C-alpha atoms as a PDB file:
ATOM      1  CA  SER A   1     -88.962 -13.127-214.111  1.00  0.00           C
ATOM      2  CA  VAL A   2     -89.136 -15.947-216.647  1.00  0.00           C
ATOM      3  CA  GLU A   3     -86.264 -18.423-216.761  1.00  0.00           C
ATOM      4  CA  LEU A   4     -84.667 -18.083-220.200  1.00  0.00           C
ATOM      5  CA  GLY A   5     -82.514 -21.214-220.059  1.00  0.00           C
ATOM      6  CA  ILE A   6     -79.235 -19.325-220.510  1.00  0.00           C
ATOM      7  CA  SER A   7     -77.273 -17.175-218.083  1.00  0.00           C
ATOM      8  CA  TRP A   8     -76.577 -13.569-219.009  1.00  0.00           C
ATOM      9  CA  THR A   9     -72.888 -14.084-218.212  1.00  0.00           C
ATOM     10  CA  ASP A  10     -72.718 -16.905-220.749  1.00  0.00           C
ATOM     11  CA  SER A  11     -74.572 -14.843-223.312  1.00  0.00           C
ATOM     12  CA  LEU A  12     -72.110 -11.985-222.967  1.00  0.00           C
ATOM     13  CA  ARG A  13     -69.195 -14.376-223.383  1.00  0.00           C
ATOM     14  CA  ASN A  14     -70.732 -15.622-226.616  1.00  0.00           C
ATOM     15  CA  MET A  15     -70.888 -12.153-228.148  1.00  0.00           C
ATOM     16  CA  ALA A  16     -68.810 -11.958-231.307  1.00  0.00           C
ATOM     17  CA  ASP A  17     -65.813  -9.720-231.953  1.00  0.00           C
ATOM     18  CA  LEU A  18     -64.969  -9.151-228.266  1.00  0.00           C
ATOM     19  CA  GLY A  19     -61.890 -11.395-228.377  1.00  0.00           C
ATOM     20  CA  GLU A  20     -60.459 -12.689-225.104  1.00  0.00           C
ATOM     21  CA  GLU A  21     -60.991  -9.479-223.112  1.00  0.00           C
ATOM     22  CA  GLU A  22     -63.175  -9.498-220.010  1.00  0.00           C
ATOM     23  CA  LYS A  23     -66.837  -9.356-220.980  1.00  0.00           C
ATOM     24  CA  GLU A  24     -68.219  -8.233-217.631  1.00  0.00           C
ATOM     25  CA  ALA A  25     -68.573  -4.501-217.049  1.00  0.00           C
ATOM     26  CA  PRO A  26     -65.421  -2.986-215.465  1.00  0.00           C
ATOM     27  CA  HIS A  27     -67.534  -0.338-213.768  1.00  0.00           C
ATOM     28  CA  GLN A  28     -71.043   0.163-212.433  1.00  0.00           C
ATOM     29  CA  ARG A  29     -73.275   0.151-215.496  1.00  0.00           C
ATOM     30  CA  ALA A  30     -76.247   2.505-215.639  1.00  0.00           C
ATOM     31  CA  LYS A  31     -79.694   1.009-215.113  1.00  0.00           C
ATOM     32  CA  CYS A  32     -82.988   2.405-216.400  1.00  0.00           C
ATOM     33  CA  PHE A  33     -86.594   1.385-215.891  1.00  0.00           C
ATOM     34  CA  LEU A  34     -89.710   1.380-218.047  1.00  0.00           C
ATOM     35  CA  ASP A  35     -93.088   1.166-216.272  1.00  0.00           C
ATOM     36  CA  ILE A  36     -95.371  -0.342-218.915  1.00  0.00           C
ATOM     37  CA  ALA A  37     -99.169  -0.647-218.845  1.00  0.00           C
ATOM     38  CA  TYR A  38    -101.286  -2.697-221.267  1.00  0.00           C
ATOM     39  CA  ALA A  39    -104.881  -1.716-222.022  1.00  0.00           C
ATOM     40  CA  GLY A  40    -105.072   0.595-219.026  1.00  0.00           C
ATOM     41  CA  SER A  41    -103.944  -1.991-216.496  1.00  0.00           C
ATOM     42  CA  GLN A  42    -101.584  -1.363-213.609  1.00  0.00           C
ATOM     43  CA  PRO A  43     -98.046  -0.855-214.934  1.00  0.00           C
ATOM     44  CA  ASP A  44     -95.309  -3.456-214.600  1.00  0.00           C
ATOM     45  CA  ARG A  45     -91.652  -2.541-214.422  1.00  0.00           C
ATOM     46  CA  VAL A  46     -88.938  -3.643-216.821  1.00  0.00           C
ATOM     47  CA  LEU A  47     -85.417  -2.980-215.550  1.00  0.00           C
ATOM     48  CA  ILE A  48     -82.666  -2.554-218.126  1.00  0.00           C
ATOM     49  CA  GLU A  49     -78.890  -2.563-217.767  1.00  0.00           C
ATOM     50  CA  LEU A  50     -77.096  -0.385-220.315  1.00  0.00           C
ATOM     51  CA  PHE A  51     -73.825  -1.479-221.939  1.00  0.00           C
ATOM     52  CA  ASP A  52     -72.360   2.008-221.472  1.00  0.00           C
ATOM     53  CA  ASP A  53     -68.829   0.572-221.429  1.00  0.00           C
ATOM     54  CA  VAL A  54     -69.334  -0.726-224.994  1.00  0.00           C
ATOM     55  CA  THR A  55     -71.745   1.788-226.585  1.00  0.00           C
ATOM     56  CA  PRO A  56     -71.522   4.929-224.404  1.00  0.00           C
ATOM     57  CA  ALA A  57     -73.097   7.392-226.862  1.00  0.00           C
ATOM     58  CA  THR A  58     -76.077   5.158-227.644  1.00  0.00           C
ATOM     59  CA  CYS A  59     -76.609   4.416-223.954  1.00  0.00           C
ATOM     60  CA  GLU A  60     -76.435   8.084-223.000  1.00  0.00           C
ATOM     61  CA  ASN A  61     -79.124   8.868-225.576  1.00  0.00           C
ATOM     62  CA  PHE A  62     -81.441   6.224-224.098  1.00  0.00           C
ATOM     63  CA  ARG A  63     -80.637   7.186-220.489  1.00  0.00           C
ATOM     64  CA  ARG A  64     -81.317  10.883-221.020  1.00  0.00           C
ATOM     65  CA  ILE A  65     -84.629  10.194-222.770  1.00  0.00           C
ATOM     66  CA  CYS A  66     -85.599   7.856-219.927  1.00  0.00           C
ATOM     67  CA  ILE A  67     -84.923  10.691-217.470  1.00  0.00           C
ATOM     68  CA  GLY A  68     -86.570  13.306-219.678  1.00  0.00           C
ATOM     69  CA  ASP A  69     -84.167  16.139-218.871  1.00  0.00           C
ATOM     70  CA  PHE A  70     -83.127  16.997-222.443  1.00  0.00           C
ATOM     71  CA  THR A  71     -84.922  19.632-224.540  1.00  0.00           C
ATOM     72  CA  GLY A  72     -85.412  18.729-228.211  1.00  0.00           C
ATOM     73  CA  LYS A  73     -85.462  20.885-231.325  1.00  0.00           C
ATOM     74  CA  GLU A  74     -89.132  21.776-230.856  1.00  0.00           C
ATOM     75  CA  GLY A  75     -88.474  23.055-227.339  1.00  0.00           C
ATOM     76  CA  LYS A  76     -90.077  20.014-225.690  1.00  0.00           C
ATOM     77  CA  LYS A  77     -88.475  17.578-223.283  1.00  0.00           C
ATOM     78  CA  LEU A  78     -87.487  14.287-224.887  1.00  0.00           C
ATOM     79  CA  HIS A  79     -89.063  11.629-222.663  1.00  0.00           C
ATOM     80  CA  TYR A  80     -90.276   8.061-223.050  1.00  0.00           C
ATOM     81  CA  LYS A  81     -93.043   8.766-220.540  1.00  0.00           C
ATOM     82  CA  GLY A  82     -96.362   8.540-222.406  1.00  0.00           C
ATOM     83  CA  CYS A  83     -94.767   6.803-225.397  1.00  0.00           C
ATOM     84  CA  TYR A  84     -96.266   3.650-226.942  1.00  0.00           C
ATOM     85  CA  PHE A  85     -94.928   0.290-227.952  1.00  0.00           C
ATOM     86  CA  HIS A  86     -96.400   0.656-231.410  1.00  0.00           C
ATOM     87  CA  ARG A  87     -95.157  -2.596-232.948  1.00  0.00           C
ATOM     88  CA  VAL A  88     -95.276  -6.170-231.655  1.00  0.00           C
ATOM     89  CA  VAL A  89     -94.057  -9.099-233.735  1.00  0.00           C
ATOM     90  CA  GLN A  90     -94.805 -12.319-231.917  1.00  0.00           C
ATOM     91  CA  ASP A  91     -91.865 -14.618-231.271  1.00  0.00           C
ATOM     92  CA  PHE A  92     -89.523 -11.819-232.362  1.00  0.00           C
ATOM     93  CA  MET A  93     -89.604  -8.493-230.482  1.00  0.00           C
ATOM     94  CA  ILE A  94     -91.567  -5.511-229.134  1.00  0.00           C
ATOM     95  CA  GLN A  95     -90.739  -2.044-230.488  1.00  0.00           C
ATOM     96  CA  GLY A  96     -91.351   1.442-229.106  1.00  0.00           C
ATOM     97  CA  GLY A  97     -89.722   4.795-228.440  1.00  0.00           C
ATOM     98  CA  ASP A  98     -91.272   7.015-231.130  1.00  0.00           C
ATOM     99  CA  ILE A  99     -91.427  10.053-228.873  1.00  0.00           C
ATOM    100  CA  THR A 100     -92.547  12.476-231.589  1.00  0.00           C
ATOM    101  CA  LYS A 101     -95.301  10.680-233.540  1.00  0.00           C
ATOM    102  CA  ASN A 102     -95.973   7.503-231.550  1.00  0.00           C
ATOM    103  CA  ASN A 103     -96.567   5.434-234.684  1.00  0.00           C
ATOM    104  CA  GLY A 104     -93.092   4.351-235.758  1.00  0.00           C
ATOM    105  CA  SER A 105     -92.516   7.095-238.316  1.00  0.00           C
ATOM    106  CA  GLY A 106     -90.837   9.580-235.972  1.00  0.00           C
ATOM    107  CA  GLY A 107     -88.310   9.878-233.201  1.00  0.00           C
ATOM    108  CA  GLU A 108     -85.557  12.217-232.053  1.00  0.00           C
ATOM    109  CA  SER A 109     -82.225  11.829-230.294  1.00  0.00           C
ATOM    110  CA  ILE A 110     -80.291  14.059-227.924  1.00  0.00           C
ATOM    111  CA  TYR A 111     -77.781  14.480-230.766  1.00  0.00           C
ATOM    112  CA  GLY A 112     -80.333  15.741-233.282  1.00  0.00           C
ATOM    113  CA  PRO A 113     -82.868  14.037-235.579  1.00  0.00           C
ATOM    114  CA  ASP A 114     -80.652  10.947-235.755  1.00  0.00           C
ATOM    115  CA  PHE A 115     -77.108   9.742-235.111  1.00  0.00           C
ATOM    116  CA  LYS A 116     -74.613   7.207-236.436  1.00  0.00           C
ATOM    117  CA  ASP A 117     -74.354   3.515-235.641  1.00  0.00           C
ATOM    118  CA  GLU A 118     -71.834   3.452-232.805  1.00  0.00           C
ATOM    119  CA  ASN A 119     -70.584  -0.121-233.269  1.00  0.00           C
ATOM    120  CA  PHE A 120     -71.796  -3.696-233.676  1.00  0.00           C
ATOM    121  CA  LEU A 121     -69.591  -5.329-231.050  1.00  0.00           C
ATOM    122  CA  ILE A 122     -72.503  -7.052-229.344  1.00  0.00           C
ATOM    123  CA  ARG A 123     -74.626  -9.445-231.384  1.00  0.00           C
ATOM    124  CA  HIS A 124     -78.274 -10.492-231.047  1.00  0.00           C
ATOM    125  CA  THR A 125     -77.461 -13.862-229.469  1.00  0.00           C
ATOM    126  CA  VAL A 126     -80.061 -14.177-226.672  1.00  0.00           C
ATOM    127  CA  PRO A 127     -83.558 -13.001-225.702  1.00  0.00           C
ATOM    128  CA  GLY A 128     -83.994  -9.803-223.730  1.00  0.00           C
ATOM    129  CA  LEU A 129     -81.511  -7.628-225.598  1.00  0.00           C
ATOM    130  CA  LEU A 130     -82.156  -3.906-226.095  1.00  0.00           C
ATOM    131  CA  SER A 131     -81.314  -2.763-229.626  1.00  0.00           C
ATOM    132  CA  MET A 132     -81.746   0.383-231.694  1.00  0.00           C
ATOM    133  CA  ALA A 133     -84.492   0.482-234.315  1.00  0.00           C
ATOM    134  CA  ASN A 134     -83.562   2.341-237.477  1.00  0.00           C
ATOM    135  CA  ALA A 135     -84.547   3.100-241.071  1.00  0.00           C
ATOM    136  CA  GLY A 136     -81.169   2.098-242.468  1.00  0.00           C
ATOM    137  CA  LYS A 137     -77.520   2.855-241.865  1.00  0.00           C
ATOM    138  CA  HIS A 138     -76.791   5.673-239.380  1.00  0.00           C
ATOM    139  CA  THR A 139     -80.449   6.566-238.723  1.00  0.00           C
ATOM    140  CA  ASN A 140     -80.720   5.970-234.960  1.00  0.00           C
ATOM    141  CA  SER A 141     -83.038   8.274-233.011  1.00  0.00           C
ATOM    142  CA  SER A 142     -85.141   7.299-229.976  1.00  0.00           C
ATOM    143  CA  GLN A 143     -86.829   4.118-231.209  1.00  0.00           C
ATOM    144  CA  PHE A 144     -85.692   0.786-229.790  1.00  0.00           C
ATOM    145  CA  PHE A 145     -86.821  -2.809-229.547  1.00  0.00           C
ATOM    146  CA  ILE A 146     -86.454  -5.687-227.072  1.00  0.00           C
ATOM    147  CA  THR A 147     -85.908  -9.176-228.450  1.00  0.00           C
ATOM    148  CA  VAL A 148     -87.666 -12.315-227.199  1.00  0.00           C
ATOM    149  CA  LYS A 149     -85.371 -14.757-229.031  1.00  0.00           C
ATOM    150  CA  PRO A 150     -81.929 -14.773-230.686  1.00  0.00           C
ATOM    151  CA  THR A 151     -82.099 -12.691-233.883  1.00  0.00           C
ATOM    152  CA  PRO A 152     -78.772 -13.137-235.712  1.00  0.00           C
ATOM    153  CA  TRP A 153     -80.138 -11.679-238.969  1.00  0.00           C
ATOM    154  CA  LEU A 154     -80.071  -8.262-237.261  1.00  0.00           C
ATOM    155  CA  ASP A 155     -76.337  -8.422-236.546  1.00  0.00           C
ATOM    156  CA  LEU A 156     -74.240  -5.647-238.135  1.00  0.00           C
ATOM    157  CA  LYS A 157     -77.470  -3.751-238.863  1.00  0.00           C
ATOM    158  CA  HIS A 158     -78.759  -2.740-235.415  1.00  0.00           C
ATOM    159  CA  VAL A 159     -76.755  -1.563-232.396  1.00  0.00           C
ATOM    160  CA  VAL A 160     -77.256  -3.670-229.262  1.00  0.00           C
ATOM    161  CA  PHE A 161     -76.781  -1.473-226.181  1.00  0.00           C
ATOM    162  CA  GLY A 162     -78.508  -3.097-223.210  1.00  0.00           C
ATOM    163  CA  ARG A 163     -80.311  -6.056-221.702  1.00  0.00           C
ATOM    164  CA  VAL A 164     -83.343  -6.766-219.533  1.00  0.00           C
ATOM    165  CA  ILE A 165     -82.252  -7.799-216.037  1.00  0.00           C
ATOM    166  CA  GLU A 166     -85.699  -7.763-214.392  1.00  0.00           C
ATOM    167  CA  GLY A 167     -89.188  -8.010-215.861  1.00  0.00           C
ATOM    168  CA  MET A 168     -88.488 -10.332-218.784  1.00  0.00           C
ATOM    169  CA  ASP A 169     -91.794 -12.007-217.987  1.00  0.00           C
ATOM    170  CA  VAL A 170     -93.471  -8.663-218.716  1.00  0.00           C
ATOM    171  CA  VAL A 171     -91.742  -8.444-222.103  1.00  0.00           C
ATOM    172  CA  LEU A 172     -92.776 -11.985-223.011  1.00  0.00           C
ATOM    173  CA  ALA A 173     -96.364 -11.297-221.993  1.00  0.00           C
ATOM    174  CA  LEU A 174     -96.475  -8.141-224.104  1.00  0.00           C
ATOM    175  CA  ASN A 175     -95.114 -10.089-227.048  1.00  0.00           C
ATOM    176  CA  ARG A 176     -98.215 -12.321-226.896  1.00  0.00           C
ATOM    177  CA  VAL A 177    -100.897  -9.599-226.897  1.00  0.00           C
ATOM    178  CA  SER A 178    -103.481  -9.360-229.671  1.00  0.00           C
ATOM    179  CA  THR A 179    -102.228  -7.507-232.759  1.00  0.00           C
ATOM    180  CA  ARG A 180    -103.405  -6.473-236.202  1.00  0.00           C
ATOM    181  CA  ASN A 181    -100.662  -6.022-238.810  1.00  0.00           C
ATOM    182  CA  ASP A 182     -98.122  -6.071-235.956  1.00  0.00           C
ATOM    183  CA  LYS A 183     -99.923  -3.216-234.197  1.00  0.00           C
ATOM    184  CA  PRO A 184    -101.338  -3.968-230.724  1.00  0.00           C
ATOM    185  CA  THR A 185    -105.129  -3.830-230.653  1.00  0.00           C
ATOM    186  CA  GLN A 186    -104.926  -2.342-227.146  1.00  0.00           C
ATOM    187  CA  PRO A 187    -102.377   0.384-226.252  1.00  0.00           C
ATOM    188  CA  ILE A 188     -99.089  -0.550-224.624  1.00  0.00           C
ATOM    189  CA  VAL A 189     -97.956   2.618-222.863  1.00  0.00           C
ATOM    190  CA  ILE A 190     -94.773   3.586-221.037  1.00  0.00           C
ATOM    191  CA  VAL A 191     -96.427   5.383-218.130  1.00  0.00           C
ATOM    192  CA  ASP A 192     -93.096   6.332-216.605  1.00  0.00           C
ATOM    193  CA  SER A 193     -89.372   5.917-217.174  1.00  0.00           C
ATOM    194  CA  GLY A 194     -86.159   6.931-215.482  1.00  0.00           C
ATOM    195  CA  GLU A 195     -82.793   5.897-214.114  1.00  0.00           C
ATOM    196  CA  VAL A 196     -82.273   3.592-211.150  1.00  0.00           C
ATOM    197  CA  MET A 197     -79.395   4.414-208.798  1.00  0.00           C
ATOM    198  CA  ASP A 198     -77.936   2.473-205.904  1.00  0.00           C
ATOM    199  CA  VAL A 199     -77.816   3.966-202.407  1.00  0.00           C
ATOM    200  CA  LYS A 200     -74.315   5.412-202.811  1.00  0.00           C
ATOM    201  CA  GLN A 201     -75.142   7.072-206.129  1.00  0.00           C
ATOM    202  CA  ALA A 202     -78.369   8.475-204.689  1.00  0.00           C
ATOM    203  CA  GLU A 203     -76.532   9.938-201.688  1.00  0.00           C
ATOM    204  CA  GLU A 204     -73.898  11.531-203.918  1.00  0.00           C
ATOM    205  CA  LEU A 205     -76.583  13.031-206.148  1.00  0.00           C
ATOM    206  CA  LYS A 206     -78.450  14.334-203.096  1.00  0.00           C
ATOM    207  CA  LYS A 207     -75.290  16.004-201.763  1.00  0.00           C
ATOM    208  CA  GLN A 208     -74.633  17.543-205.163  1.00  0.00           C
ATOM    209  CA  VAL A 209     -78.165  18.949-205.400  1.00  0.00           C
ATOM    210  CA  GLU A 210     -77.995  20.305-201.842  1.00  0.00           C
ATOM    211  CA  GLN A 211     -74.642  21.971-202.544  1.00  0.00           C
ATOM    212  CA  GLU A 212     -75.997  23.530-205.741  1.00  0.00           C
ATOM    213  CA  GLU A 213     -78.986  24.824-203.780  1.00  0.00           C
ATOM    214  CA  ARG A 214     -76.706  26.330-201.114  1.00  0.00           C
ATOM    215  CA  ASP A 215     -74.560  27.963-203.786  1.00  0.00           C
ATOM    216  CA  LYS A 216     -77.666  29.356-205.433  1.00  0.00           C
ATOM    217  CA  ASN A 217     -78.887  30.943-202.189  1.00  0.00           C
ATOM    218  CA  LYS A 218     -75.558  32.485-201.193  1.00  0.00           C
ATOM    219  CA  THR A 219     -75.316  36.278-200.996  1.00  0.00           C
ATOM    220  CA  GLU A 220     -72.759  38.183-203.009  1.00  0.00           C
ATOM    221  CA  MET A 221     -70.745  38.794-199.828  1.00  0.00           C
ATOM    222  CA  GLU A 222     -70.661  35.060-199.062  1.00  0.00           C
ATOM    223  CA  LYS A 223     -69.569  34.339-202.613  1.00  0.00           C
ATOM    224  CA  SER A 224     -66.856  37.002-202.275  1.00  0.00           C
ATOM    225  CA  HIS A 225     -65.650  35.394-199.037  1.00  0.00           C
ATOM    226  CA  ASP A 226     -65.540  32.016-200.794  1.00  0.00           C
ATOM    227  CA  ARG A 227     -63.403  33.495-203.560  1.00  0.00           C
ATOM    228  CA  VAL A 228     -61.049  35.094-200.992  1.00  0.00           C
ATOM    229  CA  ARG A 229     -60.720  31.793-199.124  1.00  0.00           C
ATOM    230  CA  ALA A 230     -60.021  29.959-202.365  1.00  0.00           C
ATOM    231  CA  ALA A 231     -57.380  32.537-203.366  1.00  0.00           C
ATOM    232  CA  ARG A 232     -55.769  32.359-199.914  1.00  0.00           C
ATOM    233  CA  ALA A 233     -55.656  28.574-200.058  1.00  0.00           C
ATOM    234  CA  LYS A 234     -53.987  28.747-203.469  1.00  0.00           C
ATOM    235  CA  ILE A 235     -51.377  31.251-202.221  1.00  0.00           C
ATOM    236  CA  GLU A 236     -50.625  29.076-199.191  1.00  0.00           C
ATOM    237  CA  LYS A 237     -50.241  26.057-201.430  1.00  0.00           C
ATOM    238  CA  ASP A 238     -47.896  27.944-203.789  1.00  0.00           C
ATOM    239  CA  CYS A 239     -45.812  29.235-200.844  1.00  0.00           C
ATOM    240  CA  THR A 240     -45.540  25.749-199.420  1.00  0.00           C
ATOM    241  CA  GLU A 241     -44.298  24.443-202.737  1.00  0.00           C
ATOM    242  CA  VAL A 242     -41.713  27.266-203.010  1.00  0.00           C
ATOM    243  CA  CYS A 243     -40.483  26.636-199.460  1.00  0.00           C
ATOM    244  CA  ASP A 244     -40.178  22.948-200.182  1.00  0.00           C
ATOM    245  CA  ASP A 245     -38.148  23.704-203.304  1.00  0.00           C
ATOM    246  CA  VAL A 246     -35.821  26.071-201.422  1.00  0.00           C
ATOM    247  CA  THR A 247     -35.357  23.602-198.569  1.00  0.00           C
ATOM    248  CA  SER A 248     -34.545  20.859-201.023  1.00  0.00           C
ATOM    249  CA  ALA A 249     -32.014  23.063-202.835  1.00  0.00           C
ATOM    250  CA  VAL A 250     -30.286  24.041-199.566  1.00  0.00           C
ATOM    251  CA  GLN A 251     -30.075  20.427-198.453  1.00  0.00           C
ATOM    252  CA  GLN A 252     -28.574  19.448-201.778  1.00  0.00           C
ATOM    253  CA  GLY A 253     -25.998  22.277-201.459  1.00  0.00           C
ATOM    254  CA  ILE A 254     -24.983  21.180-197.960  1.00  0.00           C
ATOM    255  CA  LYS A 255     -24.644  17.627-199.118  1.00  0.00           C
ATOM    256  CA  ARG A 256     -22.355  18.627-201.976  1.00  0.00           C
ATOM    257  CA  SER A 257     -20.148  20.834-199.729  1.00  0.00           C
ATOM    258  CA  THR A 258     -19.545  18.060-197.212  1.00  0.00           C
ATOM    259  CA  THR A 259     -18.302  15.706-199.908  1.00  0.00           C
ATOM    260  CA  LEU A 260     -15.621  18.081-201.240  1.00  0.00           C
ATOM    261  CA  GLU A 261     -11.977  17.107-200.418  1.00  0.00           C
ATOM    262  CA  LYS A 262     -10.398  19.454-197.895  1.00  0.00           C
ATOM    263  CA  VAL A 263      -7.083  20.978-199.151  1.00  0.00           C
ATOM    264  CA  PRO A 264      -4.615  22.108-196.323  1.00  0.00           C
ATOM    265  CA  VAL A 265      -3.354  25.687-196.579  1.00  0.00           C
ATOM    266  CA  GLN A 266       0.387  26.272-195.861  1.00  0.00           C
ATOM    267  CA  GLN A 267       1.103  29.579-194.100  1.00  0.00           C
ATOM    268  CA  LYS A 268       4.484  31.302-194.690  1.00  0.00           C
ATOM    269  CA  LYS A 269       5.909  34.014-192.425  1.00  0.00           C
ATOM    270  CA  PRO A 270       6.285  37.204-194.409  1.00  0.00           C
ATOM    271  CA  ARG A 271       9.739  38.604-194.858  1.00  0.00           C
ATOM    272  CA  LEU A 272      10.078  42.324-194.312  1.00  0.00           C
ATOM    273  CA  THR A 273      12.562  43.702-196.831  1.00  0.00           C
ATOM    274  CA  GLY A 274      13.195  46.867-198.707  1.00  0.00           C
ATOM    275  CA  GLY A 275      12.210  50.411-198.004  1.00  0.00           C
ATOM    276  CA  MET A 276      11.878  51.393-194.400  1.00  0.00           C
ATOM    277  CA  PHE A 277      12.593  47.812-193.305  1.00  0.00           C
ATOM    278  CA  ALA A 278      15.985  47.635-195.025  1.00  0.00           C
ATOM    279  CA  GLY A 279      18.905  46.694-192.702  1.00  0.00           C
ATOM    280  CA  LEU A 280      16.714  45.683-189.748  1.00  0.00           C
ATOM    281  CA  GLU A 281      18.217  42.205-189.636  1.00  0.00           C
ATOM    282  CA  GLY A 282      21.792  43.634-189.715  1.00  0.00           C
ATOM    283  CA  ASP A 283      21.027  46.153-186.991  1.00  0.00           C
ATOM    284  CA  GLU A 284      20.362  43.397-184.502  1.00  0.00           C
ATOM    285  CA  ASP A 285      23.874  42.018-185.107  1.00  0.00           C
ATOM    286  CA  ASP A 286      25.464  45.448-184.787  1.00  0.00           C
ATOM    287  CA  ASP A 287      23.900  46.036-181.403  1.00  0.00           C
ATOM    288  CA  ASP A 288      25.393  42.819-180.143  1.00  0.00           C
ATOM    289  CA  GLU A 289      28.891  43.883-181.265  1.00  0.00           C
ATOM    290  CA  ASP A 290      28.637  47.249-179.504  1.00  0.00           C
ATOM    291  CA  ASP A 291      27.829  45.614-176.194  1.00  0.00           C
ATOM    292  CA  GLU A 292      31.039  43.668-176.324  1.00  0.00           C
END
């Protein structure tokens, strides 16, 4: 890709209104690709990192349309595949993403015809930023543009939500194509788009799909056995918790009993008096006298 003369880390640290907090992504940011062909040539890939930790709703809209798995209001999949870059302003930006009319007058989002500006935390400070095109406040849909220079006059008007991390040379080349009234004289087409995942993400997705396929093919008896096993596991877990509680209570009771002060009990010999026992003590003395 073309050397832009400024590191992306530095550009992020120069973004306004982010204060002293860490500017790098605290998690693995989503990455999407656009395979773009000019005038029927072989497509070149532009790889984009989404700022989904700053503008999650805007990024999710772009990501889902890149994948093409969302059905719009007309019952058609919303997908950038086959969409044009309909506007090119040299030394400024390239604009595309009109997935309904392909001329800049349409567009649709996964949230409806349009959605609100999420925030303006990231400013247009460097080339290669991905920003939402709009027709005014809170009119975001599917259209976007990629800058080829700093564009501070767009700050607080357009939501920045990503950056080009590979293929900036492609963007710069497209920005220099022949145009008439900012419209390319030859078509610039997104021949394919999607999401790029690392090996770990791909393996997790594969496991998830395989598990869903196994669940789909299970018989009713197998599903019933799964439910029984799940219920049994829950009962065993509950019993274990109850036993632990009882054991803890018993141990606490034993501990308390051993700390109590022992009080000695004095035993007193009972004295037999009254009734049938009357005179027994005197009788013993009388017997002694008789013997004498």
